[in-house]
Amino acid sequence: MTRRPGFPARLDPAGAPAGRRPAAAAAPARAAPAGVGLDSQAVRARMVQKLAAQGVGDARVLAAMNAVERHRFVDSALVNQAYEDTSLPIGLGQTISKPNVVARMIELLLGARGASGGRLGRVLEIGTGCGYQAAVLSHVAAEVYSIERLRGLHERARENLRAFRLANVHLLFGDGMAGFAKGAPYAGIIAAAGGEAVPAQWTDQLAEGGRIVAPMVMPNGQQALVIVDKTAGRLTQAILEGVHFVPLKSGIA
């Protein structure tokens, strides 16, 4: 039986000797400003109330959004905006998604045929970013594999998640378009970047009864949220509301 990587795992670039990689500046630890940790529960509770009012109805998702301290995943200068329904910059041209978008996509993921009742099984996240969504997913999935192609963000997510000690979250540095075959099959795959099509590697790695939730570029050039379900070996696709995510790219940087 193949042993799965522990937290935090890393994929070495092709040709690089195991255990060796280019030096990268470690992200500094960002302690929350005084007072934020003391009142964040109340602010977070109000955020969750707004999510429910906006239509998020899955109690598992609302509980997970209430449990994860979003202010610990943003820069200290932006911490006062952490619980607003807005995306925020996290560096390298990337953003942390709006709470409503995170909750909406995870709720859709939990709507898969094989996810009724309790937790999802194994989930693959494409685009770790700062690690916030992976932390939320850890509350609704048995196991989370999260892959990031930008080394700076991968290292930042490792630092952000270290204090949470989430034994069911595995961080990977690699090309998200290729998925992560060693962890397959996945009950759910969720992406934080949109391309013109859902990569075949993702559908190949999706379990029977599983679901992919991802943005996709439509013929008009705009992005829309798409769900892909696998049933009896066949794929069905549904196009939902318009969204705005960074482009899906291959390779690592």
Protein backbone atom coordinates (compact mmCIF):
# COMPACT_ATOMS: atom_id res chain seq x y z
CA MET A 1 0.00 0.00 0.00
CA THR A 2 1.43 3.35 -1.10
CA ARG A 3 1.94 5.73 1.78
CA ARG A 4 0.38 9.13 1.24
CA PRO A 5 2.43 12.24 1.94
CA GLY A 6 2.10 13.84 5.33
CA PHE A 7 1.72 17.53 6.14
CA PRO A 8 3.18 19.49 4.57
CA ALA A 9 4.08 17.54 1.44
CA ARG A 10 5.92 18.93 -1.56
CA LEU A 11 6.36 17.93 -5.17
CA ASP A 12 9.88 18.52 -6.48
CA PRO A 13 10.23 20.12 -9.91
CA ALA A 14 11.13 17.69 -12.66
CA GLY A 15 14.80 16.85 -12.58
CA ALA A 16 15.47 18.35 -9.16
CA PRO A 17 17.21 16.02 -6.69
CA ALA A 18 14.92 14.93 -3.88
CA GLY A 19 15.15 17.20 -0.86
CA ARG A 20 16.80 20.04 -2.77
CA ARG A 21 15.08 23.10 -4.20
CA PRO A 22 15.89 26.73 -4.96
CA ALA A 23 16.04 28.97 -1.92
CA ALA A 24 12.90 30.96 -1.19
CA ALA A 25 12.36 33.69 1.32
CA ALA A 26 10.28 32.41 4.19
CA ALA A 27 7.05 34.33 4.77
CA PRO A 28 7.18 36.17 8.10
CA ALA A 29 4.75 35.09 10.76
CA ARG A 30 1.84 37.53 10.94
CA ALA A 31 0.35 37.82 14.40
CA ALA A 32 -3.07 39.43 14.52
CA PRO A 33 -3.09 43.00 15.86
CA ALA A 34 -4.04 43.40 19.51
CA GLY A 35 -7.74 42.96 20.08
CA VAL A 36 -8.57 41.22 16.81
CA GLY A 37 -8.33 37.72 18.25
CA LEU A 38 -10.51 38.71 21.20
CA ASP A 39 -13.44 39.97 19.15
CA SER A 40 -13.04 37.96 15.95
CA GLN A 41 -15.58 35.36 17.08
CA ALA A 42 -18.35 37.95 17.20
CA VAL A 43 -17.30 39.47 13.86
CA ARG A 44 -17.07 36.02 12.31
CA ALA A 45 -20.51 35.11 13.64
CA ARG A 46 -21.94 38.18 11.88
CA MET A 47 -20.18 37.12 8.67
CA VAL A 48 -21.79 33.68 8.94
CA GLN A 49 -25.21 35.26 9.54
CA LYS A 50 -24.76 37.26 6.33
CA LEU A 51 -23.75 34.12 4.43
CA ALA A 52 -26.92 32.40 5.59
CA ALA A 53 -28.96 35.45 4.53
CA GLN A 54 -27.29 35.31 1.12
CA GLY A 55 -28.50 31.74 0.62
CA VAL A 56 -25.80 29.46 2.06
CA GLY A 57 -27.91 26.83 3.79
CA ASP A 58 -25.63 23.88 4.55
CA ALA A 59 -25.02 23.80 8.30
CA ARG A 60 -21.68 22.03 7.78
CA VAL A 61 -20.41 24.88 5.62
CA LEU A 62 -21.64 27.59 7.97
CA ALA A 63 -20.02 25.84 10.94
CA ALA A 64 -16.72 25.52 9.05
CA MET A 65 -16.76 29.20 8.04
CA ASN A 66 -17.43 30.10 11.67
CA ALA A 67 -14.57 27.92 12.91
CA VAL A 68 -11.75 29.26 10.71
CA GLU A 69 -10.22 32.64 11.62
CA ARG A 70 -9.95 34.37 8.25
CA HIS A 71 -7.96 37.29 9.70
CA ARG A 72 -5.00 34.93 10.23
CA PHE A 73 -4.68 34.47 6.47
CA VAL A 74 -4.40 38.12 5.41
CA ASP A 75 -1.75 40.78 5.92
CA SER A 76 -2.00 42.76 9.14
CA ALA A 77 -2.77 45.94 7.19
CA LEU A 78 -5.94 44.29 5.84
CA VAL A 79 -7.05 42.49 8.98
CA ASN A 80 -9.93 44.89 9.63
CA GLN A 81 -11.42 43.83 6.27
CA ALA A 82 -10.96 40.11 6.88
CA TYR A 83 -14.63 39.40 7.60
CA GLU A 84 -16.10 41.62 4.92
CA ASP A 85 -17.50 39.89 1.84
CA THR A 86 -14.64 40.95 -0.36
CA SER A 87 -11.57 39.41 -1.96
CA LEU A 88 -8.22 40.65 -0.66
CA PRO A 89 -4.70 40.60 -2.15
CA ILE A 90 -2.32 37.93 -0.82
CA GLY A 91 0.69 38.72 -3.02
CA LEU A 92 2.05 37.50 -6.37
CA GLY A 93 -1.03 38.84 -8.14
CA GLN A 94 -3.35 36.47 -6.27
CA THR A 95 -6.27 37.03 -3.90
CA ILE A 96 -8.15 35.31 -1.10
CA SER A 97 -11.68 34.72 -2.38
CA LYS A 98 -14.76 36.39 -0.91
CA PRO A 99 -16.25 34.42 2.00
CA ASN A 100 -19.48 34.06 0.01
CA VAL A 101 -17.64 32.50 -2.92
CA VAL A 102 -15.73 30.08 -0.66
CA ALA A 103 -18.92 29.03 1.12
CA ARG A 104 -20.89 28.74 -2.14
CA MET A 105 -18.30 26.53 -3.84
CA ILE A 106 -17.86 24.25 -0.82
CA GLU A 107 -21.63 23.94 -0.49
CA LEU A 108 -21.82 22.90 -4.13
CA LEU A 109 -19.05 20.37 -3.55
CA LEU A 110 -21.01 18.89 -0.63
CA GLY A 111 -24.03 18.58 -2.92
CA ALA A 112 -22.42 15.70 -4.81
CA ARG A 113 -24.29 12.40 -4.80
CA GLY A 114 -21.61 10.72 -2.71
CA ALA A 115 -21.53 13.48 -0.06
CA SER A 116 -24.96 13.25 1.51
CA GLY A 117 -24.99 13.34 5.28
CA GLY A 118 -21.56 13.58 6.86
CA ARG A 119 -18.13 14.54 5.61
CA LEU A 120 -16.79 14.29 2.11
CA GLY A 121 -14.04 11.77 1.57
CA ARG A 122 -10.78 12.90 -0.02
CA VAL A 123 -10.78 16.34 -1.69
CA LEU A 124 -8.28 17.92 -4.09
CA GLU A 125 -7.95 21.70 -4.05
CA ILE A 126 -6.37 23.36 -7.08
CA GLY A 127 -4.72 26.61 -5.97
CA THR A 128 -3.85 26.69 -2.27
CA GLY A 129 -3.31 30.44 -2.21
CA CYS A 130 -2.90 31.57 1.40
CA GLY A 131 -4.40 28.32 2.75
CA TYR A 132 -7.74 29.70 3.96
CA GLN A 133 -10.02 27.52 1.83
CA ALA A 134 -7.96 24.42 2.67
CA ALA A 135 -8.55 25.17 6.36
CA VAL A 136 -12.31 25.48 5.78
CA LEU A 137 -12.32 22.26 3.72
CA SER A 138 -10.57 20.44 6.57
CA HIS A 139 -13.80 20.74 8.58
CA VAL A 140 -16.03 19.15 5.93
CA ALA A 141 -13.71 16.58 4.30
CA ALA A 142 -11.90 13.55 5.66
CA GLU A 143 -8.71 14.48 3.82
CA VAL A 144 -7.61 17.53 1.82
CA TYR A 145 -4.83 17.60 -0.78
CA SER A 146 -4.11 21.18 -1.82
CA ILE A 147 -1.73 21.99 -4.66
CA GLU A 148 -0.15 25.37 -5.46
CA ARG A 149 2.02 26.24 -8.48
CA LEU A 150 3.56 29.42 -7.01
CA ARG A 151 6.32 28.60 -4.55
CA GLY A 152 5.90 31.85 -2.60
CA LEU A 153 2.23 31.12 -1.92
CA HIS A 154 2.93 27.47 -1.11
CA GLU A 155 5.42 28.57 1.54
CA ARG A 156 3.02 31.21 2.85
CA ALA A 157 0.21 28.68 3.18
CA ARG A 158 2.54 26.34 5.07
CA GLU A 159 3.33 29.13 7.51
CA ASN A 160 -0.31 30.17 7.87
CA LEU A 161 -1.52 26.62 8.53
CA ARG A 162 1.32 25.47 10.76
CA ALA A 163 -0.29 26.72 13.98
CA PHE A 164 -3.61 25.03 13.15
CA ARG A 165 -1.95 21.58 13.06
CA LEU A 166 -4.50 20.16 10.62
CA ALA A 167 -3.52 16.51 10.32
CA ASN A 168 -5.92 15.93 7.40
CA VAL A 169 -4.49 18.71 5.19
CA HIS A 170 -1.58 17.94 2.84
CA LEU A 171 0.08 20.83 0.99
CA LEU A 172 1.68 20.14 -2.39
CA PHE A 173 3.90 22.30 -4.57
CA GLY A 174 3.31 21.47 -8.23
CA ASP A 175 1.27 21.93 -11.39
CA GLY A 176 -2.39 21.94 -10.44
CA MET A 177 -3.53 21.30 -14.03
CA ALA A 178 -2.09 17.81 -13.69
CA GLY A 179 -3.98 17.19 -10.44
CA PHE A 180 -2.33 14.75 -8.04
CA ALA A 181 -2.73 11.17 -9.21
CA LYS A 182 -1.10 9.64 -6.13
CA GLY A 183 -3.97 10.84 -3.95
CA ALA A 184 -6.76 9.81 -6.35
CA PRO A 185 -9.59 9.01 -6.51
CA TYR A 186 -11.16 12.16 -5.08
CA ALA A 187 -14.70 12.60 -3.83
CA GLY A 188 -14.43 16.25 -4.80
CA ILE A 189 -12.14 18.59 -6.71
CA ILE A 190 -12.38 22.35 -6.21
CA ALA A 191 -10.43 24.95 -8.20
CA ALA A 192 -9.53 28.57 -7.50
CA ALA A 193 -8.54 29.34 -11.11
CA GLY A 194 -10.41 29.09 -14.38
CA GLY A 195 -9.43 27.81 -17.81
CA GLU A 196 -11.28 27.18 -21.07
CA ALA A 197 -11.99 23.57 -20.10
CA VAL A 198 -11.79 21.26 -17.10
CA PRO A 199 -8.51 19.33 -17.50
CA ALA A 200 -8.92 15.64 -18.34
CA GLN A 201 -6.55 14.77 -15.47
CA TRP A 202 -9.11 16.11 -13.02
CA THR A 203 -11.99 14.06 -14.40
CA ASP A 204 -9.74 10.98 -14.56
CA GLN A 205 -8.87 11.42 -10.87
CA LEU A 206 -12.49 12.00 -9.80
CA ALA A 207 -14.16 9.13 -7.95
CA GLU A 208 -17.46 7.60 -8.98
CA GLY A 209 -20.19 9.83 -7.55
CA GLY A 210 -17.69 12.67 -7.17
CA ARG A 211 -17.99 16.30 -8.22
CA ILE A 212 -15.73 19.03 -9.60
CA VAL A 213 -16.52 22.66 -8.79
CA ALA A 214 -14.47 25.13 -10.82
CA PRO A 215 -14.65 28.38 -12.76
CA MET A 216 -14.47 28.03 -16.53
CA VAL A 217 -14.11 30.52 -19.36
CA MET A 218 -17.25 30.66 -21.52
CA PRO A 219 -17.32 31.35 -25.29
CA ASN A 220 -18.07 35.03 -24.55
CA GLY A 221 -14.78 35.29 -22.65
CA GLN A 222 -16.43 35.60 -19.24
CA GLN A 223 -16.02 33.06 -16.45
CA ALA A 224 -18.85 31.03 -14.97
CA LEU A 225 -18.96 28.53 -12.14
CA VAL A 226 -19.24 24.98 -13.44
CA ILE A 227 -20.02 21.68 -11.71
CA VAL A 228 -19.05 18.35 -13.24
CA ASP A 229 -20.49 15.13 -11.81
CA LYS A 230 -19.26 11.61 -12.54
CA THR A 231 -22.03 8.99 -12.53
CA ALA A 232 -21.62 5.45 -13.89
CA GLY A 233 -18.42 6.56 -15.58
CA ARG A 234 -20.16 9.38 -17.45
CA LEU A 235 -19.67 13.11 -16.93
CA THR A 236 -22.46 15.66 -16.73
CA GLN A 237 -21.83 19.39 -16.62
CA ALA A 238 -23.92 22.30 -15.35
CA ILE A 239 -23.09 25.99 -15.82
CA LEU A 240 -24.02 28.31 -12.96
CA GLU A 241 -23.47 32.00 -12.16
CA GLY A 242 -20.72 34.24 -13.45
CA VAL A 243 -17.55 34.52 -11.35
CA HIS A 244 -14.13 36.14 -11.57
CA PHE A 245 -11.03 34.10 -10.77
CA VAL A 246 -7.40 34.25 -11.87
CA PRO A 247 -6.59 32.29 -15.05
CA LEU A 248 -5.71 28.61 -14.75
CA LYS A 249 -2.04 28.15 -15.71
CA SER A 250 0.27 25.19 -16.09
CA GLY A 251 3.78 24.76 -14.72
CA ILE A 252 5.34 26.05 -11.54
CA ALA A 253 6.91 29.39 -10.65
